[in-house]
Amino acid sequence: MFTSALAQIKAVSRVAFYLLVAFLVIRLWQDPSGSATATVNFVGSIGSFFSSAVNKLSQFARGLGK
């Protein structure tokens, strides 16, 4: 029973992944410049998050050294 539940979850996740990929391809086809802008904003947000995290961790580490 447990293996069949895992198989069903795996199948549902595979379908969801393919639907997500299809959605992204359709959006890219319909509005390439808007998709590029959204992608750049997304990557920039990830970069600023990691930059902030590194700064906070370095402040924490400096505080431990005092």
N, C-alpha and C. Protein backbone atom coordinates (compact mmCIF):
# COMPACT_ATOMS: atom_id res chain seq x y z
N MET A 1 0.82 -1.19 0.00
CA MET A 1 0.00 0.00 0.00
C MET A 1 0.86 1.26 0.00
N PHE A 2 1.93 1.25 0.79
CA PHE A 2 2.80 2.41 0.86
C PHE A 2 3.50 2.67 -0.47
N THR A 3 3.91 1.59 -1.15
CA THR A 3 4.59 1.77 -2.43
C THR A 3 3.64 2.29 -3.50
N SER A 4 2.37 1.88 -3.45
CA SER A 4 1.43 2.39 -4.44
C SER A 4 1.13 3.86 -4.19
N ALA A 5 1.10 4.28 -2.92
CA ALA A 5 0.90 5.70 -2.62
C ALA A 5 2.09 6.52 -3.12
N LEU A 6 3.31 5.99 -2.93
CA LEU A 6 4.48 6.69 -3.44
C LEU A 6 4.47 6.77 -4.96
N ALA A 7 4.03 5.71 -5.60
CA ALA A 7 3.95 5.70 -7.06
C ALA A 7 2.93 6.73 -7.55
N GLN A 8 1.82 6.84 -6.85
CA GLN A 8 0.80 7.83 -7.23
C GLN A 8 1.31 9.24 -7.02
N ILE A 9 2.00 9.48 -5.91
CA ILE A 9 2.56 10.81 -5.65
C ILE A 9 3.60 11.14 -6.71
N LYS A 10 4.42 10.17 -7.07
CA LYS A 10 5.42 10.39 -8.11
C LYS A 10 4.77 10.70 -9.45
N ALA A 11 3.70 10.00 -9.79
CA ALA A 11 3.00 10.25 -11.05
C ALA A 11 2.35 11.63 -11.05
N VAL A 12 1.74 12.01 -9.95
CA VAL A 12 1.10 13.34 -9.86
C VAL A 12 2.15 14.43 -9.95
N SER A 13 3.29 14.25 -9.29
CA SER A 13 4.33 15.27 -9.36
C SER A 13 4.92 15.37 -10.76
N ARG A 14 5.01 14.25 -11.46
CA ARG A 14 5.51 14.28 -12.84
C ARG A 14 4.54 15.05 -13.74
N VAL A 15 3.24 14.81 -13.57
CA VAL A 15 2.23 15.53 -14.36
C VAL A 15 2.29 17.02 -14.04
N ALA A 16 2.41 17.36 -12.75
CA ALA A 16 2.49 18.76 -12.35
C ALA A 16 3.73 19.43 -12.95
N PHE A 17 4.84 18.71 -12.97
CA PHE A 17 6.06 19.25 -13.57
C PHE A 17 5.88 19.52 -15.05
N TYR A 18 5.29 18.58 -15.77
CA TYR A 18 5.07 18.77 -17.21
C TYR A 18 4.10 19.91 -17.48
N LEU A 19 3.08 20.06 -16.64
CA LEU A 19 2.16 21.19 -16.80
C LEU A 19 2.87 22.52 -16.56
N LEU A 20 3.75 22.55 -15.56
CA LEU A 20 4.52 23.77 -15.28
C LEU A 20 5.43 24.11 -16.46
N VAL A 21 6.10 23.12 -17.01
CA VAL A 21 6.97 23.36 -18.17
C VAL A 21 6.15 23.84 -19.36
N ALA A 22 4.99 23.22 -19.59
CA ALA A 22 4.14 23.65 -20.70
C ALA A 22 3.67 25.08 -20.50
N PHE A 23 3.29 25.42 -19.27
CA PHE A 23 2.86 26.79 -18.97
C PHE A 23 3.98 27.78 -19.25
N LEU A 24 5.20 27.46 -18.81
CA LEU A 24 6.33 28.37 -19.03
C LEU A 24 6.63 28.53 -20.51
N VAL A 25 6.56 27.46 -21.26
CA VAL A 25 6.83 27.54 -22.71
C VAL A 25 5.77 28.40 -23.39
N ILE A 26 4.51 28.21 -23.02
CA ILE A 26 3.43 29.01 -23.62
C ILE A 26 3.59 30.48 -23.26
N ARG A 27 3.92 30.77 -22.00
CA ARG A 27 4.10 32.17 -21.60
C ARG A 27 5.28 32.80 -22.34
N LEU A 28 6.34 32.04 -22.49
CA LEU A 28 7.51 32.54 -23.23
C LEU A 28 7.15 32.80 -24.68
N TRP A 29 6.36 31.93 -25.28
CA TRP A 29 5.96 32.09 -26.67
C TRP A 29 5.06 33.30 -26.85
N GLN A 30 4.15 33.54 -25.90
CA GLN A 30 3.20 34.64 -26.02
C GLN A 30 3.82 36.00 -25.74
N ASP A 31 4.74 36.08 -24.78
CA ASP A 31 5.30 37.37 -24.38
C ASP A 31 6.78 37.20 -24.02
N PRO A 32 7.65 37.15 -25.03
CA PRO A 32 9.06 36.91 -24.74
C PRO A 32 9.72 38.01 -23.90
N SER A 33 9.40 39.28 -24.19
CA SER A 33 10.05 40.34 -23.43
C SER A 33 9.55 40.40 -21.99
N GLY A 34 8.27 40.17 -21.79
CA GLY A 34 7.74 40.12 -20.43
C GLY A 34 8.31 38.96 -19.65
N SER A 35 8.48 37.82 -20.30
CA SER A 35 9.07 36.65 -19.65
C SER A 35 10.52 36.92 -19.29
N ALA A 36 11.24 37.59 -20.17
CA ALA A 36 12.64 37.92 -19.88
C ALA A 36 12.73 38.88 -18.70
N THR A 37 11.85 39.87 -18.65
CA THR A 37 11.84 40.81 -17.54
C THR A 37 11.53 40.10 -16.23
N ALA A 38 10.54 39.21 -16.25
CA ALA A 38 10.18 38.47 -15.04
C ALA A 38 11.33 37.58 -14.58
N THR A 39 12.03 36.96 -15.54
CA THR A 39 13.16 36.10 -15.20
C THR A 39 14.30 36.91 -14.58
N VAL A 40 14.59 38.06 -15.16
CA VAL A 40 15.65 38.92 -14.63
C VAL A 40 15.29 39.39 -13.22
N ASN A 41 14.04 39.78 -13.01
CA ASN A 41 13.61 40.21 -11.68
C ASN A 41 13.72 39.07 -10.67
N PHE A 42 13.33 37.86 -11.09
CA PHE A 42 13.40 36.70 -10.20
C PHE A 42 14.84 36.39 -9.82
N VAL A 43 15.74 36.37 -10.79
CA VAL A 43 17.14 36.09 -10.51
C VAL A 43 17.74 37.19 -9.64
N GLY A 44 17.38 38.43 -9.91
CA GLY A 44 17.85 39.55 -9.08
C GLY A 44 17.38 39.43 -7.64
N SER A 45 16.15 39.00 -7.45
CA SER A 45 15.63 38.81 -6.10
C SER A 45 16.38 37.71 -5.36
N ILE A 46 16.69 36.64 -6.06
CA ILE A 46 17.46 35.56 -5.44
C ILE A 46 18.85 36.06 -5.07
N GLY A 47 19.46 36.82 -5.97
CA GLY A 47 20.79 37.36 -5.69
C GLY A 47 20.79 38.30 -4.50
N SER A 48 19.78 39.16 -4.40
CA SER A 48 19.73 40.08 -3.26
C SER A 48 19.46 39.34 -1.97
N PHE A 49 18.67 38.26 -2.02
CA PHE A 49 18.44 37.45 -0.82
C PHE A 49 19.75 36.85 -0.33
N PHE A 50 20.52 36.23 -1.22
CA PHE A 50 21.77 35.61 -0.80
C PHE A 50 22.79 36.65 -0.35
N SER A 51 22.80 37.81 -0.99
CA SER A 51 23.68 38.89 -0.56
C SER A 51 23.34 39.33 0.86
N SER A 52 22.07 39.49 1.13
CA SER A 52 21.63 39.87 2.47
C SER A 52 21.97 38.78 3.48
N ALA A 53 21.76 37.53 3.11
CA ALA A 53 22.06 36.42 4.01
C ALA A 53 23.55 36.36 4.34
N VAL A 54 24.41 36.57 3.35
CA VAL A 54 25.85 36.55 3.60
C VAL A 54 26.24 37.71 4.51
N ASN A 55 25.66 38.90 4.27
CA ASN A 55 25.96 40.04 5.13
C ASN A 55 25.53 39.78 6.57
N LYS A 56 24.35 39.23 6.77
CA LYS A 56 23.86 38.94 8.12
C LYS A 56 24.74 37.89 8.80
N LEU A 57 25.12 36.85 8.05
CA LEU A 57 25.99 35.82 8.64
C LEU A 57 27.37 36.37 8.99
N SER A 58 27.89 37.26 8.16
CA SER A 58 29.21 37.84 8.48
C SER A 58 29.11 38.75 9.70
N GLN A 59 28.01 39.50 9.84
CA GLN A 59 27.82 40.31 11.04
C GLN A 59 27.71 39.42 12.28
N PHE A 60 27.02 38.31 12.16
CA PHE A 60 26.89 37.36 13.26
C PHE A 60 28.26 36.81 13.65
N ALA A 61 29.05 36.41 12.66
CA ALA A 61 30.37 35.86 12.92
C ALA A 61 31.28 36.90 13.58
N ARG A 62 31.20 38.15 13.12
CA ARG A 62 31.99 39.21 13.74
C ARG A 62 31.56 39.42 15.19
N GLY A 63 30.27 39.31 15.44
CA GLY A 63 29.76 39.46 16.81
C GLY A 63 30.25 38.35 17.72
N LEU A 64 30.45 37.17 17.20
CA LEU A 64 30.97 36.07 18.01
C LEU A 64 32.42 36.29 18.39
N GLY A 65 33.16 36.99 17.54
CA GLY A 65 34.59 37.21 17.78
C GLY A 65 34.86 38.28 18.82
N LYS A 66 33.88 39.07 19.19
CA LYS A 66 34.12 40.16 20.15
C LYS A 66 34.17 39.66 21.57
